[in-house]
Amino acid sequence: AIFQVEYLDRVIDDSPKTARAELAFLRTMLRDGLDEVRSFIAALRPPSVDLGLAQAITDAGAAFATRHGIAVEVSVEKIDQRVPRDAKAPILRIVQEALQNVRKHAAATRVQVNLAGEHLVISDNGRGFDVMRLASVRRNFGLQFMRERAELMGSSLQIESRQGGDAHPASHTGGSLMVTMA
């Protein structure tokens, strides 16, 4: 933003048309930055799992869909009976991080969050990715944090995907993440 303002200061007198275009770009950049900061602040707040994990996941999915225009279908009705109280916040954080990964990387139009027995499955219809290549990247903090959260509560995290194809033929997804709730 500072560089944009400095550039505007240099061109405003000589090229008002260029200055207006740069102002529009700066406005968009600042709004996007503000949205991102608000998301970070919201993520730092304690999760609303006291109302129930199912409701918290449903609310997170709805907020994500509204904010990013990616449809989210949530079906986790009996999750509160299956997840101990101290594991509810980490599960919600895993769901939130998975949704952010879909937004950033998948180019998906639909996400599903489902409870299937003892597994929480988050899948999308995005472009998929190379899981082996991703595993070799050391600076993949989002996946690392999700895996650590799962392990801290005695669970495991499994990621499946195939670039350019379905990760899970039954659900026609580009990528899926499964948390096994031990």
Protein backbone atom coordinates (compact mmCIF):
# COMPACT_ATOMS: atom_id res chain seq x y z
CA ALA A 1 0.00 0.00 0.00
CA ILE A 2 2.84 2.38 0.84
CA PHE A 3 4.48 1.73 -2.54
CA GLN A 4 1.16 2.35 -4.27
CA VAL A 5 0.68 5.66 -2.44
CA GLU A 6 4.23 6.73 -3.31
CA TYR A 7 3.62 5.87 -6.96
CA LEU A 8 0.33 7.80 -6.90
CA ASP A 9 2.16 10.81 -5.49
CA ARG A 10 4.52 10.72 -8.48
CA VAL A 11 1.89 10.32 -11.24
CA ILE A 12 -1.17 12.20 -9.96
CA ASP A 13 -0.32 15.54 -11.61
CA ASP A 14 0.95 14.18 -14.94
CA SER A 15 -1.52 11.37 -15.45
CA PRO A 16 -4.84 11.61 -13.61
CA LYS A 17 -6.20 8.63 -15.57
CA THR A 18 -3.31 6.42 -14.40
CA ALA A 19 -3.75 7.76 -10.86
CA ARG A 20 -7.46 6.80 -10.85
CA ALA A 21 -6.62 3.29 -12.06
CA GLU A 22 -3.96 2.96 -9.35
CA LEU A 23 -6.45 4.20 -6.73
CA ALA A 24 -8.93 1.54 -7.80
CA PHE A 25 -6.20 -1.11 -7.53
CA LEU A 26 -5.14 0.23 -4.10
CA ARG A 27 -8.75 0.22 -2.87
CA THR A 28 -9.16 -3.43 -3.92
CA MET A 29 -5.83 -4.38 -2.38
CA LEU A 30 -6.71 -2.72 0.94
CA ARG A 31 -10.18 -4.33 1.06
CA ASP A 32 -8.68 -7.76 0.38
CA GLY A 33 -6.06 -7.16 3.06
CA LEU A 34 -8.72 -6.07 5.54
CA ASP A 35 -10.77 -9.20 4.81
CA GLU A 36 -7.69 -11.33 5.39
CA VAL A 37 -6.87 -9.60 8.69
CA ARG A 38 -10.48 -10.05 9.83
CA SER A 39 -10.23 -13.75 9.00
CA PHE A 40 -7.03 -14.03 11.04
CA ILE A 41 -8.65 -12.26 13.98
CA ALA A 42 -11.70 -14.50 13.80
CA ALA A 43 -9.45 -17.57 13.71
CA LEU A 44 -7.67 -16.40 16.87
CA ARG A 45 -10.91 -16.16 18.83
CA PRO A 46 -11.90 -19.20 20.85
CA PRO A 47 -14.10 -21.43 18.72
CA SER A 48 -17.83 -21.56 19.36
CA VAL A 49 -17.88 -25.28 20.09
CA ASP A 50 -19.76 -24.74 23.37
CA LEU A 51 -22.92 -24.58 21.26
CA GLY A 52 -21.95 -27.91 19.78
CA LEU A 53 -19.34 -29.00 17.28
CA ALA A 54 -21.94 -29.81 14.63
CA GLN A 55 -23.32 -26.28 14.84
CA ALA A 56 -19.83 -24.73 14.88
CA ILE A 57 -18.82 -26.68 11.74
CA THR A 58 -22.10 -25.79 10.04
CA ASP A 59 -21.60 -22.11 10.90
CA ALA A 60 -17.98 -22.19 9.68
CA GLY A 61 -19.11 -23.76 6.40
CA ALA A 62 -21.89 -21.21 5.92
CA ALA A 63 -19.58 -18.27 6.67
CA PHE A 64 -16.96 -19.67 4.29
CA ALA A 65 -19.55 -20.14 1.52
CA THR A 66 -20.86 -16.61 1.94
CA ARG A 67 -17.41 -15.04 2.04
CA HIS A 68 -15.82 -16.98 -0.82
CA GLY A 69 -18.70 -18.11 -3.04
CA ILE A 70 -17.78 -21.79 -2.74
CA ALA A 71 -20.72 -24.05 -1.83
CA VAL A 72 -20.23 -26.00 1.40
CA GLU A 73 -22.39 -29.00 2.27
CA VAL A 74 -22.13 -30.10 5.92
CA SER A 75 -23.47 -33.39 7.27
CA VAL A 76 -22.09 -33.98 10.77
CA GLU A 77 -25.22 -34.48 12.88
CA LYS A 78 -23.86 -37.03 15.39
CA ILE A 79 -20.35 -35.62 15.74
CA ASP A 80 -20.99 -34.17 19.21
CA GLN A 81 -21.66 -37.66 20.59
CA ARG A 82 -18.48 -39.08 19.00
CA VAL A 83 -15.95 -36.38 19.84
CA PRO A 84 -14.74 -35.73 23.40
CA ARG A 85 -15.10 -32.14 24.63
CA ASP A 86 -11.34 -31.45 24.58
CA ALA A 87 -11.10 -32.56 20.92
CA LYS A 88 -13.91 -30.33 19.62
CA ALA A 89 -11.84 -27.15 19.19
CA PRO A 90 -9.00 -28.96 17.34
CA ILE A 91 -11.53 -30.65 15.02
CA LEU A 92 -13.11 -27.28 14.23
CA ARG A 93 -9.68 -25.76 13.56
CA ILE A 94 -8.85 -28.62 11.17
CA VAL A 95 -12.10 -28.01 9.28
CA GLN A 96 -11.39 -24.27 9.11
CA GLU A 97 -7.84 -24.82 7.84
CA ALA A 98 -9.04 -27.37 5.28
CA LEU A 99 -11.59 -24.85 3.98
CA GLN A 100 -8.87 -22.20 3.68
CA ASN A 101 -6.68 -24.65 1.75
CA VAL A 102 -9.57 -25.26 -0.66
CA ARG A 103 -9.97 -21.50 -1.12
CA LYS A 104 -6.26 -20.92 -1.72
CA HIS A 105 -5.33 -23.93 -3.82
CA ALA A 106 -8.17 -26.11 -5.13
CA ALA A 107 -10.11 -23.86 -7.53
CA ALA A 108 -13.16 -25.79 -6.29
CA THR A 109 -16.81 -24.87 -6.56
CA ARG A 110 -18.05 -27.30 -3.90
CA VAL A 111 -16.83 -28.66 -0.57
CA GLN A 112 -18.40 -31.45 1.47
CA VAL A 113 -17.82 -31.98 5.20
CA ASN A 114 -19.26 -35.34 6.24
CA LEU A 115 -19.16 -37.64 9.22
CA ALA A 116 -18.71 -41.23 8.04
CA GLY A 117 -18.56 -43.53 11.05
CA GLU A 118 -15.43 -42.61 13.00
CA HIS A 119 -14.10 -40.43 10.18
CA LEU A 120 -14.60 -36.76 9.44
CA VAL A 121 -14.14 -36.36 5.68
CA ILE A 122 -13.60 -33.00 3.99
CA SER A 123 -13.62 -33.24 0.20
CA ASP A 124 -13.80 -30.86 -2.72
CA ASN A 125 -14.31 -30.94 -6.47
CA GLY A 126 -11.17 -28.93 -7.18
CA ARG A 127 -8.21 -29.57 -9.42
CA GLY A 128 -6.41 -31.96 -7.05
CA PHE A 129 -2.73 -32.02 -6.23
CA ASP A 130 0.28 -34.29 -6.02
CA VAL A 131 0.24 -35.59 -2.43
CA MET A 132 3.78 -36.98 -2.63
CA ARG A 133 5.21 -33.67 -3.82
CA LEU A 134 3.26 -31.84 -1.14
CA ALA A 135 4.64 -34.18 1.54
CA SER A 136 8.19 -33.27 0.50
CA VAL A 137 7.60 -29.53 0.93
CA ARG A 138 8.77 -28.55 4.40
CA ARG A 139 7.04 -25.17 4.59
CA ASN A 140 3.48 -26.43 4.27
CA PHE A 141 2.30 -25.03 7.60
CA GLY A 142 -1.44 -25.53 7.12
CA LEU A 143 -1.20 -29.28 6.56
CA GLN A 144 1.46 -29.57 9.24
CA PHE A 145 -0.76 -27.82 11.81
CA MET A 146 -3.76 -29.98 10.87
CA ARG A 147 -1.69 -33.14 11.23
CA GLU A 148 -0.29 -31.99 14.60
CA ARG A 149 -3.76 -31.12 15.91
CA ALA A 150 -5.05 -34.53 14.90
CA GLU A 151 -2.09 -36.31 16.53
CA LEU A 152 -2.42 -34.31 19.76
CA MET A 153 -5.94 -35.63 20.21
CA GLY A 154 -4.92 -39.20 19.39
CA SER A 155 -6.29 -39.12 15.86
CA SER A 156 -4.77 -39.40 12.43
CA LEU A 157 -5.03 -37.29 9.30
CA GLN A 158 -5.09 -38.80 5.82
CA ILE A 159 -4.96 -36.82 2.58
CA GLU A 160 -5.94 -38.21 -0.81
CA SER A 161 -5.85 -36.55 -4.21
CA ARG A 162 -4.93 -37.04 -7.82
CA GLN A 163 -4.00 -34.12 -10.00
CA GLY A 164 -6.51 -33.57 -12.74
CA GLY A 165 -8.65 -36.47 -11.61
CA ASP A 166 -10.93 -37.74 -8.93
CA ALA A 167 -9.42 -38.34 -5.53
CA HIS A 168 -12.32 -40.46 -4.42
CA PRO A 169 -14.41 -41.90 -7.25
CA ALA A 170 -17.58 -42.19 -5.16
CA SER A 171 -17.67 -38.48 -4.34
CA HIS A 172 -16.07 -37.07 -7.51
CA THR A 173 -13.61 -34.88 -5.63
CA GLY A 174 -10.32 -33.26 -6.46
CA GLY A 175 -8.98 -33.68 -2.95
CA SER A 176 -10.04 -35.09 0.37
CA LEU A 177 -8.85 -34.99 3.91
CA MET A 178 -9.96 -37.56 6.47
CA VAL A 179 -9.61 -37.24 10.23
CA THR A 180 -9.89 -40.56 12.05
CA MET A 181 -11.31 -39.83 15.48
CA ALA A 182 -9.72 -42.42 17.76
